[in-house]
């Protein structure tokens, strides 16, 4: 519940800070480490069968369920619902036990949430999966995860 409005947080380390009730209006000196942008390529680690957080992912466009509202609060470190993504190296370090990694793109029109206290990850209300790789072998297994019509 801290009021940081108008604070200069240049060089402040907010990693693991809980900013969920914090007033950040007018704060200066904060830089989002990932810099998530539409059209850019990122990575997502998934469990077997390309499942994650109750979602079955497929190659192509993946969107939130019809009744879900994207969690866009930039003060929450791990907001949900939303599809989390990061750099390939961050995913490898933080999710080494997940056997699949998906190369994704953030489509135009997607809502993006990159939290202020982020550990270099962000989320979006839609992602486009371009390729899927087996983490252990490095083999491209994309064709296995194409949605059948």
Protein backbone atom coordinates (compact mmCIF):
# COMPACT_ATOMS: atom_id res chain seq x y z
CA UNK A 1 0.00 0.00 0.00
CA UNK A 2 2.97 2.32 -0.34
CA UNK A 3 2.48 5.68 -2.04
CA UNK A 4 5.39 6.04 -4.45
CA UNK A 5 3.73 8.70 -6.59
CA UNK A 6 6.31 11.18 -7.91
CA UNK A 7 9.19 9.07 -6.48
CA UNK A 8 12.45 8.78 -8.40
CA UNK A 9 13.34 5.10 -8.34
CA UNK A 10 16.35 5.28 -10.65
CA UNK A 11 18.52 2.17 -9.99
CA UNK A 12 15.97 0.81 -7.49
CA UNK A 13 15.85 -2.99 -7.37
CA UNK A 14 12.17 -3.95 -7.10
CA UNK A 15 12.70 -7.62 -7.89
CA UNK A 16 10.19 -9.66 -5.82
CA UNK A 17 8.55 -6.47 -4.52
CA UNK A 18 4.80 -6.76 -4.00
CA UNK A 19 3.48 -3.62 -5.66
CA UNK A 20 -0.14 -4.77 -5.85
CA UNK A 21 -1.52 -1.90 -3.71
CA UNK A 22 1.11 0.69 -4.61
CA UNK A 23 0.36 4.06 -6.21
CA UNK A 24 2.88 4.41 -9.06
CA UNK A 25 1.40 7.49 -10.75
CA UNK A 26 4.15 9.87 -11.84
CA UNK A 27 7.00 7.58 -10.76
CA UNK A 28 10.25 8.23 -12.62
CA UNK A 29 13.28 6.05 -13.31
CA UNK A 30 11.53 2.69 -13.72
CA UNK A 31 12.53 0.66 -16.76
CA UNK A 32 10.78 -2.52 -17.84
CA UNK A 33 13.51 -5.06 -18.42
CA UNK A 34 11.86 -7.10 -21.20
CA UNK A 35 10.36 -4.25 -23.19
CA UNK A 36 7.58 -6.46 -24.61
CA UNK A 37 6.30 -5.24 -27.97
CA UNK A 38 3.80 -6.43 -30.58
CA UNK A 39 5.45 -8.43 -33.34
CA UNK A 40 8.49 -9.39 -31.25
CA UNK A 41 9.57 -12.99 -30.71
CA UNK A 42 9.60 -14.48 -27.19
CA UNK A 43 9.55 -17.92 -25.58
CA UNK A 44 7.20 -19.96 -23.41
CA UNK A 45 7.97 -23.24 -21.59
CA UNK A 46 5.16 -25.80 -21.39
CA UNK A 47 4.49 -29.18 -19.86
CA UNK A 48 4.04 -32.32 -21.95
CA UNK A 49 1.39 -32.16 -24.67
CA UNK A 50 1.92 -28.36 -24.77
CA UNK A 51 -0.23 -27.81 -21.67
CA UNK A 52 0.24 -24.99 -19.18
CA UNK A 53 -2.02 -23.62 -16.42
CA UNK A 54 -5.02 -25.58 -17.69
CA UNK A 55 -4.61 -24.39 -21.29
CA UNK A 56 -4.04 -26.66 -24.25
CA UNK A 57 -1.83 -24.70 -26.63
CA UNK A 58 -1.54 -25.24 -30.38
CA UNK A 59 0.58 -23.85 -33.18
CA UNK A 60 -1.05 -20.63 -34.34
CA UNK A 61 -3.12 -18.08 -32.46
CA UNK A 62 -4.00 -18.88 -28.82
CA UNK A 63 -6.45 -16.64 -26.96
CA UNK A 64 -7.97 -16.50 -23.50
CA UNK A 65 -11.20 -18.33 -22.89
CA UNK A 66 -14.37 -16.42 -23.75
CA UNK A 67 -15.34 -15.78 -20.10
CA UNK A 68 -11.85 -14.62 -18.99
CA UNK A 69 -10.70 -11.05 -18.55
CA UNK A 70 -6.99 -10.36 -19.08
CA UNK A 71 -5.15 -9.37 -15.89
CA UNK A 72 -3.55 -6.08 -16.93
CA UNK A 73 -2.46 -4.74 -13.52
CA UNK A 74 1.25 -3.90 -13.97
CA UNK A 75 1.74 -3.93 -10.20
CA UNK A 76 1.15 -7.71 -9.95
CA UNK A 77 4.23 -9.80 -10.63
CA UNK A 78 2.46 -12.92 -11.89
CA UNK A 79 -0.96 -11.82 -13.11
CA UNK A 80 -3.56 -14.32 -14.29
CA UNK A 81 -5.36 -14.86 -16.60
CA UNK A 82 -2.80 -14.20 -19.28
CA UNK A 83 -0.18 -16.13 -21.24
CA UNK A 84 3.27 -15.60 -19.71
CA UNK A 85 6.40 -15.37 -21.84
CA UNK A 86 10.02 -14.25 -21.56
CA UNK A 87 13.42 -14.62 -23.19
CA UNK A 88 14.58 -18.12 -24.07
CA UNK A 89 17.34 -18.02 -21.45
CA UNK A 90 14.96 -16.82 -18.70
CA UNK A 91 12.56 -19.68 -19.48
CA UNK A 92 15.40 -22.23 -19.40
CA UNK A 93 16.61 -21.02 -15.99
CA UNK A 94 13.18 -20.68 -14.37
CA UNK A 95 11.39 -23.70 -15.89
CA UNK A 96 14.11 -26.31 -16.51
CA UNK A 97 11.71 -29.23 -15.88
CA UNK A 98 9.18 -28.26 -18.54
CA UNK A 99 9.91 -30.46 -21.58
CA UNK A 100 8.65 -28.18 -24.38
CA UNK A 101 9.52 -24.67 -25.39
CA UNK A 102 7.44 -22.63 -27.77
CA UNK A 103 8.74 -19.82 -29.92
CA UNK A 104 5.98 -17.21 -29.88
CA UNK A 105 5.10 -13.86 -31.38
CA UNK A 106 2.84 -11.24 -29.81
CA UNK A 107 0.23 -10.41 -32.47
CA UNK A 108 -0.91 -6.89 -33.27
CA UNK A 109 -3.88 -5.97 -31.12
CA UNK A 110 -2.84 -8.16 -28.19
CA UNK A 111 -2.98 -6.65 -24.71
CA UNK A 112 0.43 -6.87 -23.01
CA UNK A 113 1.18 -6.70 -19.29
CA UNK A 114 4.81 -6.30 -18.28
CA UNK A 115 4.84 -5.80 -14.49
CA UNK A 116 7.02 -3.08 -13.01
CA UNK A 117 8.73 -5.50 -10.60
CA UNK A 118 9.11 -8.12 -13.32
CA UNK A 119 11.87 -10.66 -13.36
CA UNK A 120 12.00 -10.22 -17.15
CA UNK A 121 8.69 -11.86 -17.95
CA UNK A 122 5.40 -10.52 -19.23
CA UNK A 123 1.97 -11.76 -20.29
CA UNK A 124 -0.50 -11.16 -23.09
CA UNK A 125 -4.13 -11.97 -23.78
CA UNK A 126 -3.13 -13.74 -26.98
CA UNK A 127 0.03 -15.31 -28.37
CA UNK A 128 0.90 -16.87 -31.69
CA UNK A 129 2.95 -20.06 -31.37
CA UNK A 130 5.33 -20.30 -34.31
CA UNK A 131 7.45 -23.35 -33.43
CA UNK A 132 7.71 -25.96 -30.68
CA UNK A 133 10.93 -27.66 -29.57
CA UNK A 134 11.71 -30.65 -27.37
CA UNK A 135 13.95 -29.17 -24.65
CA UNK A 136 16.06 -32.31 -24.17
CA UNK A 137 16.76 -33.15 -27.81
CA UNK A 138 16.37 -29.70 -29.39
CA UNK A 139 14.22 -31.36 -32.06
CA UNK A 140 11.56 -29.28 -33.81
CA UNK A 141 8.24 -30.96 -32.89
CA UNK A 142 5.99 -28.23 -34.27
CA UNK A 143 3.94 -30.53 -36.51
CA UNK A 144 2.82 -32.57 -33.48
CA UNK A 145 1.00 -29.49 -32.07
CA UNK A 146 -0.89 -28.23 -35.11
CA UNK A 147 -4.63 -28.04 -34.45
CA UNK A 148 -6.65 -30.44 -36.53
CA UNK A 149 -9.62 -28.88 -38.31
